[in-house]
Amino acid sequence: ATRQFIVKGLAALGHQISSSGDGRDGLFQATDGR
């Protein structure tokens, strides 16, 4: 619920959003993307 709340809010402001609910996957995305 918190993740979707943040994602929808920031996307509505025009930002490009990616998300993850897991720490290891989050680390992979953070190091793999810009």
Full PDB file with SEQRES, HELIX, SHEET, SSBOND, CRYST1, ORIGX, SCALE, CONECT and MASTER records, all heavy atoms in Angstrom:
SEQRES   1 A   34  ALA THR ARG GLN PHE ILE VAL LYS GLY LEU ALA ALA LEU          
SEQRES   2 A   34  GLY HIS GLN ILE SER SER SER GLY ASP GLY ARG ASP GLY          
SEQRES   3 A   34  LEU PHE GLN ALA THR ASP GLY ARG                              
HELIX    1 AA1 THR A    2  ALA A   12  1                                  11    
HELIX    2 AA2 GLY A   23  ASP A   32  1                                  10    
CRYST1    1.000    1.000    1.000  90.00  90.00  90.00 P 1           1          
ORIGX1      1.000000  0.000000  0.000000        0.00000                         
ORIGX2      0.000000  1.000000  0.000000        0.00000                         
ORIGX3      0.000000  0.000000  1.000000        0.00000                         
SCALE1      1.000000  0.000000  0.000000        0.00000                         
SCALE2      0.000000  1.000000  0.000000        0.00000                         
SCALE3      0.000000  0.000000  1.000000        0.00000                         
ATOM      1  N   ALA A   1       0.824  -1.207   0.000  1.00  0.00           N  
ATOM      2  CA  ALA A   1       0.000   0.000   0.000  1.00  0.00           C  
ATOM      3  C   ALA A   1       0.860   1.259   0.000  1.00  0.00           C  
ATOM      4  O   ALA A   1       0.592   2.215  -0.743  1.00  0.00           O  
ATOM      5  CB  ALA A   1      -0.932  -0.009   1.205  1.00  0.00           C  
ATOM      6  N   THR A   2       1.910   1.261   0.833  1.00  0.00           N  
ATOM      7  CA  THR A   2       2.803   2.420   0.895  1.00  0.00           C  
ATOM      8  C   THR A   2       3.550   2.603  -0.421  1.00  0.00           C  
ATOM      9  O   THR A   2       3.687   3.722  -0.917  1.00  0.00           O  
ATOM     10  CB  THR A   2       3.821   2.254   2.043  1.00  0.00           C  
ATOM     11  OG1 THR A   2       3.123   2.106   3.275  1.00  0.00           O  
ATOM     12  CG2 THR A   2       4.740   3.472   2.129  1.00  0.00           C  
ATOM     13  N   ARG A   3       4.011   1.485  -0.993  1.00  0.00           N  
ATOM     14  CA  ARG A   3       4.754   1.567  -2.253  1.00  0.00           C  
ATOM     15  C   ARG A   3       3.885   2.139  -3.373  1.00  0.00           C  
ATOM     16  O   ARG A   3       4.309   3.033  -4.106  1.00  0.00           O  
ATOM     17  CB  ARG A   3       5.285   0.184  -2.642  1.00  0.00           C  
ATOM     18  CG  ARG A   3       6.192   0.228  -3.874  1.00  0.00           C  
ATOM     19  CD  ARG A   3       6.911  -1.092  -4.108  1.00  0.00           C  
ATOM     20  NE  ARG A   3       6.021  -2.158  -4.543  1.00  0.00           N  
ATOM     21  CZ  ARG A   3       5.654  -3.190  -3.785  1.00  0.00           C  
ATOM     22  NH1 ARG A   3       6.101  -3.299  -2.548  1.00  0.00           N  
ATOM     23  NH2 ARG A   3       4.847  -4.114  -4.257  1.00  0.00           N  
ATOM     24  N   GLN A   4       2.660   1.638  -3.495  1.00  0.00           N  
ATOM     25  CA  GLN A   4       1.772   2.130  -4.546  1.00  0.00           C  
ATOM     26  C   GLN A   4       1.378   3.586  -4.324  1.00  0.00           C  
ATOM     27  O   GLN A   4       1.213   4.348  -5.278  1.00  0.00           O  
ATOM     28  CB  GLN A   4       0.528   1.243  -4.635  1.00  0.00           C  
ATOM     29  CG  GLN A   4       0.798  -0.163  -5.158  1.00  0.00           C  
ATOM     30  CD  GLN A   4       1.479  -0.139  -6.515  1.00  0.00           C  
ATOM     31  OE1 GLN A   4       1.116   0.643  -7.407  1.00  0.00           O  
ATOM     32  NE2 GLN A   4       2.486  -0.998  -6.683  1.00  0.00           N  
ATOM     33  N   PHE A   5       1.234   3.969  -3.065  1.00  0.00           N  
ATOM     34  CA  PHE A   5       0.914   5.363  -2.717  1.00  0.00           C  
ATOM     35  C   PHE A   5       2.016   6.296  -3.215  1.00  0.00           C  
ATOM     36  O   PHE A   5       1.754   7.330  -3.841  1.00  0.00           O  
ATOM     37  CB  PHE A   5       0.759   5.463  -1.200  1.00  0.00           C  
ATOM     38  CG  PHE A   5       0.621   6.865  -0.674  1.00  0.00           C  
ATOM     39  CD1 PHE A   5      -0.496   7.628  -0.939  1.00  0.00           C  
ATOM     40  CD2 PHE A   5       1.639   7.411   0.103  1.00  0.00           C  
ATOM     41  CE1 PHE A   5      -0.617   8.924  -0.444  1.00  0.00           C  
ATOM     42  CE2 PHE A   5       1.535   8.698   0.607  1.00  0.00           C  
ATOM     43  CZ  PHE A   5       0.401   9.458   0.333  1.00  0.00           C  
ATOM     44  N   ILE A   6       3.269   5.905  -2.966  1.00  0.00           N  
ATOM     45  CA  ILE A   6       4.402   6.734  -3.391  1.00  0.00           C  
ATOM     46  C   ILE A   6       4.549   6.708  -4.913  1.00  0.00           C  
ATOM     47  O   ILE A   6       4.752   7.748  -5.549  1.00  0.00           O  
ATOM     48  CB  ILE A   6       5.705   6.233  -2.728  1.00  0.00           C  
ATOM     49  CG1 ILE A   6       5.612   6.346  -1.212  1.00  0.00           C  
ATOM     50  CG2 ILE A   6       6.906   7.034  -3.246  1.00  0.00           C  
ATOM     51  CD1 ILE A   6       6.776   5.689  -0.481  1.00  0.00           C  
ATOM     52  N   VAL A   7       4.443   5.521  -5.499  1.00  0.00           N  
ATOM     53  CA  VAL A   7       4.607   5.380  -6.949  1.00  0.00           C  
ATOM     54  C   VAL A   7       3.585   6.228  -7.694  1.00  0.00           C  
ATOM     55  O   VAL A   7       3.927   6.996  -8.606  1.00  0.00           O  
ATOM     56  CB  VAL A   7       4.480   3.899  -7.369  1.00  0.00           C  
ATOM     57  CG1 VAL A   7       4.341   3.780  -8.881  1.00  0.00           C  
ATOM     58  CG2 VAL A   7       5.687   3.103  -6.894  1.00  0.00           C  
ATOM     59  N   LYS A   8       2.316   6.114  -7.315  1.00  0.00           N  
ATOM     60  CA  LYS A   8       1.265   6.854  -8.005  1.00  0.00           C  
ATOM     61  C   LYS A   8       1.426   8.356  -7.814  1.00  0.00           C  
ATOM     62  O   LYS A   8       1.234   9.141  -8.744  1.00  0.00           O  
ATOM     63  CB  LYS A   8      -0.107   6.405  -7.502  1.00  0.00           C  
ATOM     64  CG  LYS A   8      -0.476   4.994  -7.946  1.00  0.00           C  
ATOM     65  CD  LYS A   8      -1.843   4.581  -7.414  1.00  0.00           C  
ATOM     66  CE  LYS A   8      -2.198   3.164  -7.852  1.00  0.00           C  
ATOM     67  NZ  LYS A   8      -3.515   2.730  -7.310  1.00  0.00           N  
ATOM     68  N   GLY A   9       1.797   8.766  -6.593  1.00  0.00           N  
ATOM     69  CA  GLY A   9       1.959  10.185  -6.321  1.00  0.00           C  
ATOM     70  C   GLY A   9       3.094  10.810  -7.113  1.00  0.00           C  
ATOM     71  O   GLY A   9       2.927  11.886  -7.714  1.00  0.00           O  
ATOM     72  N   LEU A  10       4.250  10.152  -7.141  1.00  0.00           N  
ATOM     73  CA  LEU A  10       5.400  10.693  -7.873  1.00  0.00           C  
ATOM     74  C   LEU A  10       5.188  10.622  -9.378  1.00  0.00           C  
ATOM     75  O   LEU A  10       5.606  11.514 -10.119  1.00  0.00           O  
ATOM     76  CB  LEU A  10       6.676   9.956  -7.477  1.00  0.00           C  
ATOM     77  CG  LEU A  10       7.163  10.198  -6.034  1.00  0.00           C  
ATOM     78  CD1 LEU A  10       8.393   9.346  -5.738  1.00  0.00           C  
ATOM     79  CD2 LEU A  10       7.487  11.673  -5.796  1.00  0.00           C  
ATOM     80  N   ALA A  11       4.527   9.553  -9.850  1.00  0.00           N  
ATOM     81  CA  ALA A  11       4.239   9.441 -11.281  1.00  0.00           C  
ATOM     82  C   ALA A  11       3.302  10.557 -11.725  1.00  0.00           C  
ATOM     83  O   ALA A  11       3.440  11.102 -12.828  1.00  0.00           O  
ATOM     84  CB  ALA A  11       3.632   8.077 -11.591  1.00  0.00           C  
ATOM     85  N   ALA A  12       2.347  10.919 -10.861  1.00  0.00           N  
ATOM     86  CA  ALA A  12       1.410  11.998 -11.184  1.00  0.00           C  
ATOM     87  C   ALA A  12       2.120  13.337 -11.310  1.00  0.00           C  
ATOM     88  O   ALA A  12       1.621  14.251 -11.986  1.00  0.00           O  
ATOM     89  CB  ALA A  12       0.317  12.082 -10.121  1.00  0.00           C  
ATOM     90  N   LEU A  13       3.289  13.464 -10.682  1.00  0.00           N  
ATOM     91  CA  LEU A  13       4.076  14.690 -10.782  1.00  0.00           C  
ATOM     92  C   LEU A  13       4.984  14.685 -12.006  1.00  0.00           C  
ATOM     93  O   LEU A  13       5.755  15.632 -12.216  1.00  0.00           O  
ATOM     94  CB  LEU A  13       4.908  14.873  -9.506  1.00  0.00           C  
ATOM     95  CG  LEU A  13       4.116  15.127  -8.215  1.00  0.00           C  
ATOM     96  CD1 LEU A  13       5.066  15.211  -7.019  1.00  0.00           C  
ATOM     97  CD2 LEU A  13       3.295  16.411  -8.321  1.00  0.00           C  
ATOM     98  N   GLY A  14       4.928  13.627 -12.795  1.00  0.00           N  
ATOM     99  CA  GLY A  14       5.698  13.572 -14.031  1.00  0.00           C  
ATOM    100  C   GLY A  14       7.003  12.804 -13.955  1.00  0.00           C  
ATOM    101  O   GLY A  14       7.771  12.788 -14.918  1.00  0.00           O  
ATOM    102  N   HIS A  15       7.281  12.169 -12.804  1.00  0.00           N  
ATOM    103  CA  HIS A  15       8.530  11.413 -12.668  1.00  0.00           C  
ATOM    104  C   HIS A  15       8.392  10.018 -13.288  1.00  0.00           C  
ATOM    105  O   HIS A  15       7.293   9.470 -13.375  1.00  0.00           O  
ATOM    106  CB  HIS A  15       8.911  11.293 -11.197  1.00  0.00           C  
ATOM    107  CG  HIS A  15       9.121  12.601 -10.509  1.00  0.00           C  
ATOM    108  ND1 HIS A  15      10.141  13.454 -10.848  1.00  0.00           N  
ATOM    109  CD2 HIS A  15       8.422  13.225  -9.518  1.00  0.00           C  
ATOM    110  CE1 HIS A  15      10.086  14.536 -10.093  1.00  0.00           C  
ATOM    111  NE2 HIS A  15       9.051  14.424  -9.282  1.00  0.00           N  
ATOM    112  N   GLN A  16       9.515   9.442 -13.687  1.00  0.00           N  
ATOM    113  CA  GLN A  16       9.556   8.069 -14.185  1.00  0.00           C  
ATOM    114  C   GLN A  16       9.909   7.157 -13.016  1.00  0.00           C  
ATOM    115  O   GLN A  16      10.982   7.300 -12.425  1.00  0.00           O  
ATOM    116  CB  GLN A  16      10.599   7.938 -15.292  1.00  0.00           C  
ATOM    117  CG  GLN A  16      10.320   8.805 -16.512  1.00  0.00           C  
ATOM    118  CD  GLN A  16      11.410   8.664 -17.553  1.00  0.00           C  
ATOM    119  OE1 GLN A  16      11.778   7.573 -17.955  1.00  0.00           O  
ATOM    120  NE2 GLN A  16      11.939   9.793 -18.009  1.00  0.00           N  
ATOM    121  N   ILE A  17       9.022   6.234 -12.695  1.00  0.00           N  
ATOM    122  CA  ILE A  17       9.152   5.459 -11.464  1.00  0.00           C  
ATOM    123  C   ILE A  17       9.357   3.976 -11.741  1.00  0.00           C  
ATOM    124  O   ILE A  17       8.674   3.376 -12.566  1.00  0.00           O  
ATOM    125  CB  ILE A  17       7.893   5.618 -10.582  1.00  0.00           C  
ATOM    126  CG1 ILE A  17       7.530   7.095 -10.399  1.00  0.00           C  
ATOM    127  CG2 ILE A  17       8.117   4.946  -9.231  1.00  0.00           C  
ATOM    128  CD1 ILE A  17       8.601   7.924  -9.735  1.00  0.00           C  
ATOM    129  N   SER A  18      10.334   3.385 -11.035  1.00  0.00           N  
ATOM    130  CA  SER A  18      10.498   1.935 -10.954  1.00  0.00           C  
ATOM    131  C   SER A  18      10.337   1.573  -9.479  1.00  0.00           C  
ATOM    132  O   SER A  18      10.541   2.418  -8.600  1.00  0.00           O  
ATOM    133  CB  SER A  18      11.876   1.504 -11.452  1.00  0.00           C  
ATOM    134  OG  SER A  18      12.063   1.881 -12.806  1.00  0.00           O  
ATOM    135  N   SER A  19       9.983   0.323  -9.203  1.00  0.00           N  
ATOM    136  CA  SER A  19       9.777  -0.025  -7.796  1.00  0.00           C  
ATOM    137  C   SER A  19      10.106  -1.482  -7.534  1.00  0.00           C  
ATOM    138  O   SER A  19      10.164  -2.310  -8.446  1.00  0.00           O  
ATOM    139  CB  SER A  19       8.331   0.260  -7.376  1.00  0.00           C  
ATOM    140  OG  SER A  19       7.428  -0.601  -8.046  1.00  0.00           O  
ATOM    141  N   SER A  20      10.325  -1.769  -6.260  1.00  0.00           N  
ATOM    142  CA  SER A  20      10.614  -3.127  -5.817  1.00  0.00           C  
ATOM    143  C   SER A  20      10.161  -3.279  -4.372  1.00  0.00           C  
ATOM    144  O   SER A  20      10.170  -2.308  -3.602  1.00  0.00           O  
ATOM    145  CB  SER A  20      12.113  -3.426  -5.927  1.00  0.00           C  
ATOM    146  OG  SER A  20      12.402  -4.719  -5.396  1.00  0.00           O  
ATOM    147  N   GLY A  21       9.766  -4.491  -4.006  1.00  0.00           N  
ATOM    148  CA  GLY A  21       9.370  -4.751  -2.629  1.00  0.00           C  
ATOM    149  C   GLY A  21      10.383  -5.590  -1.882  1.00  0.00           C  
ATOM    150  O   GLY A  21      10.120  -6.015  -0.749  1.00  0.00           O  
ATOM    151  N   ASP A  22      11.541  -5.806  -2.486  1.00  0.00           N  
ATOM    152  CA  ASP A  22      12.558  -6.686  -1.904  1.00  0.00           C  
ATOM    153  C   ASP A  22      13.920  -5.993  -1.936  1.00  0.00           C  
ATOM    154  O   ASP A  22      14.285  -5.362  -2.931  1.00  0.00           O  
ATOM    155  CB  ASP A  22      12.615  -7.994  -2.699  1.00  0.00           C  
ATOM    156  CG  ASP A  22      13.694  -8.935  -2.201  1.00  0.00           C  
ATOM    157  OD1 ASP A  22      13.431  -9.678  -1.237  1.00  0.00           O  
ATOM    158  OD2 ASP A  22      14.808  -8.911  -2.761  1.00  0.00           O  
ATOM    159  N   GLY A  23      14.683  -6.145  -0.852  1.00  0.00           N  
ATOM    160  CA  GLY A  23      15.970  -5.460  -0.759  1.00  0.00           C  
ATOM    161  C   GLY A  23      16.990  -5.923  -1.783  1.00  0.00           C  
ATOM    162  O   GLY A  23      17.698  -5.102  -2.366  1.00  0.00           O  
ATOM    163  N   ARG A  24      17.067  -7.212  -2.033  1.00  0.00           N  
ATOM    164  CA  ARG A  24      18.057  -7.715  -2.993  1.00  0.00           C  
ATOM    165  C   ARG A  24      17.718  -7.282  -4.419  1.00  0.00           C  
ATOM    166  O   ARG A  24      18.592  -6.871  -5.189  1.00  0.00           O  
ATOM    167  CB  ARG A  24      18.156  -9.245  -2.916  1.00  0.00           C  
ATOM    168  CG  ARG A  24      18.754  -9.737  -1.608  1.00  0.00           C  
ATOM    169  CD  ARG A  24      19.106 -11.213  -1.674  1.00  0.00           C  
ATOM    170  NE  ARG A  24      19.640 -11.671  -0.402  1.00  0.00           N  
ATOM    171  CZ  ARG A  24      20.895 -11.488  -0.011  1.00  0.00           C  
ATOM    172  NH1 ARG A  24      21.737 -10.870  -0.810  1.00  0.00           N  
ATOM    173  NH2 ARG A  24      21.305 -11.932   1.158  1.00  0.00           N  
ATOM    174  N   ASP A  25      16.445  -7.366  -4.755  1.00  0.00           N  
ATOM    175  CA  ASP A  25      16.030  -6.910  -6.085  1.00  0.00           C  
ATOM    176  C   ASP A  25      16.219  -5.396  -6.212  1.00  0.00           C  
ATOM    177  O   ASP A  25      16.626  -4.895  -7.266  1.00  0.00           O  
ATOM    178  CB  ASP A  25      14.558  -7.265  -6.327  1.00  0.00           C  
ATOM    179  CG  ASP A  25      14.069  -6.769  -7.682  1.00  0.00           C  
ATOM    180  OD1 ASP A  25      14.540  -7.292  -8.705  1.00  0.00           O  
ATOM    181  OD2 ASP A  25      13.234  -5.844  -7.713  1.00  0.00           O  
ATOM    182  N   GLY A  26      15.953  -4.682  -5.120  1.00  0.00           N  
ATOM    183  CA  GLY A  26      16.154  -3.240  -5.130  1.00  0.00           C  
ATOM    184  C   GLY A  26      17.613  -2.873  -5.364  1.00  0.00           C  
ATOM    185  O   GLY A  26      17.918  -1.944  -6.112  1.00  0.00           O  
ATOM    186  N   LEU A  27      18.520  -3.620  -4.744  1.00  0.00           N  
ATOM    187  CA  LEU A  27      19.951  -3.384  -4.946  1.00  0.00           C  
ATOM    188  C   LEU A  27      20.330  -3.656  -6.395  1.00  0.00           C  
ATOM    189  O   LEU A  27      21.081  -2.874  -7.002  1.00  0.00           O  
ATOM    190  CB  LEU A  27      20.762  -4.295  -4.014  1.00  0.00           C  
ATOM    191  CG  LEU A  27      22.288  -4.227  -4.182  1.00  0.00           C  
ATOM    192  CD1 LEU A  27      22.810  -2.841  -3.829  1.00  0.00           C  
ATOM    193  CD2 LEU A  27      22.954  -5.291  -3.309  1.00  0.00           C  
ATOM    194  N   PHE A  28      19.797  -4.734  -6.972  1.00  0.00           N  
ATOM    195  CA  PHE A  28      20.089  -5.067  -8.361  1.00  0.00           C  
ATOM    196  C   PHE A  28      19.612  -3.942  -9.287  1.00  0.00           C  
ATOM    197  O   PHE A  28      20.342  -3.508 -10.185  1.00  0.00           O  
ATOM    198  CB  PHE A  28      19.413  -6.378  -8.743  1.00  0.00           C  
ATOM    199  CG  PHE A  28      19.533  -6.720 -10.199  1.00  0.00           C  
ATOM    200  CD1 PHE A  28      20.704  -7.260 -10.712  1.00  0.00           C  
ATOM    201  CD2 PHE A  28      18.470  -6.489 -11.063  1.00  0.00           C  
ATOM    202  CE1 PHE A  28      20.821  -7.563 -12.064  1.00  0.00           C  
ATOM    203  CE2 PHE A  28      18.589  -6.787 -12.412  1.00  0.00           C  
ATOM    204  CZ  PHE A  28      19.755  -7.327 -12.913  1.00  0.00           C  
ATOM    205  N   GLN A  29      18.390  -3.469  -9.057  1.00  0.00           N  
ATOM    206  CA  GLN A  29      17.863  -2.398  -9.906  1.00  0.00           C  
ATOM    207  C   GLN A  29      18.669  -1.106  -9.739  1.00  0.00           C  
ATOM    208  O   GLN A  29      18.930  -0.393 -10.712  1.00  0.00           O  
ATOM    209  CB  GLN A  29      16.395  -2.129  -9.574  1.00  0.00           C  
ATOM    210  CG  GLN A  29      15.436  -3.218 -10.012  1.00  0.00           C  
ATOM    211  CD  GLN A  29      14.002  -2.730 -10.022  1.00  0.00           C  
ATOM    212  OE1 GLN A  29      13.672  -1.710 -10.615  1.00  0.00           O  
ATOM    213  NE2 GLN A  29      13.127  -3.463  -9.343  1.00  0.00           N  
ATOM    214  N   ALA A  30      19.051  -0.814  -8.508  1.00  0.00           N  
ATOM    215  CA  ALA A  30      19.786   0.428  -8.242  1.00  0.00           C  
ATOM    216  C   ALA A  30      21.148   0.437  -8.909  1.00  0.00           C  
ATOM    217  O   ALA A  30      21.629   1.478  -9.368  1.00  0.00           O  
ATOM    218  CB  ALA A  30      19.940   0.628  -6.734  1.00  0.00           C  
ATOM    219  N   THR A  31      21.795  -0.724  -8.974  1.00  0.00           N  
ATOM    220  CA  THR A  31      23.124  -0.800  -9.586  1.00  0.00           C  
ATOM    221  C   THR A  31      23.047  -0.993 -11.089  1.00  0.00           C  
ATOM    222  O   THR A  31      23.975  -0.636 -11.810  1.00  0.00           O  
ATOM    223  CB  THR A  31      23.941  -1.957  -8.975  1.00  0.00           C  
ATOM    224  OG1 THR A  31      23.182  -3.181  -9.078  1.00  0.00           O  
ATOM    225  CG2 THR A  31      24.241  -1.687  -7.512  1.00  0.00           C  
ATOM    226  N   ASP A  32      21.930  -1.540 -11.573  1.00  0.00           N  
ATOM    227  CA  ASP A  32      21.802  -1.824 -12.997  1.00  0.00           C  
ATOM    228  C   ASP A  32      21.248  -0.635 -13.785  1.00  0.00           C  
ATOM    229  O   ASP A  32      21.540  -0.483 -14.971  1.00  0.00           O  
ATOM    230  CB  ASP A  32      20.886  -3.034 -13.202  1.00  0.00           C  
ATOM    231  CG  ASP A  32      20.860  -3.498 -14.644  1.00  0.00           C  
ATOM    232  OD1 ASP A  32      21.939  -3.785 -15.176  1.00  0.00           O  
ATOM    233  OD2 ASP A  32      19.760  -3.566 -15.230  1.00  0.00           O  
ATOM    234  N   GLY A  33      20.472   0.227 -13.130  1.00  0.00           N  
ATOM    235  CA  GLY A  33      19.853   1.352 -13.825  1.00  0.00           C  
ATOM    236  C   GLY A  33      20.473   2.684 -13.455  1.00  0.00           C  
ATOM    237  O   GLY A  33      21.287   2.780 -12.535  1.00  0.00           O  
ATOM    238  N   ARG A  34      20.088   3.723 -14.223  1.00  0.00           N  
ATOM    239  CA  ARG A  34      20.566   5.077 -13.952  1.00  0.00           C  
ATOM    240  C   ARG A  34      19.408   5.872 -13.356  1.00  0.00           C  
ATOM    241  O   ARG A  34      18.444   6.190 -14.041  1.00  0.00           O  
ATOM    242  CB  ARG A  34      21.061   5.737 -15.241  1.00  0.00           C  
ATOM    243  CG  ARG A  34      22.289   5.068 -15.840  1.00  0.00           C  
ATOM    244  CD  ARG A  34      22.780   5.846 -17.046  1.00  0.00           C  
ATOM    245  NE  ARG A  34      21.743   5.951 -18.070  1.00  0.00           N  
ATOM    246  CZ  ARG A  34      21.869   6.683 -19.182  1.00  0.00           C  
ATOM    247  NH1 ARG A  34      22.961   7.390 -19.375  1.00  0.00           N  
ATOM    248  NH2 ARG A  34      20.901   6.715 -20.079  1.00  0.00           N  
TER     249      ARG A  34                                                      
MASTER        0    0    0    2    0    0    0    6  248    1    0    3          
END                                                                             
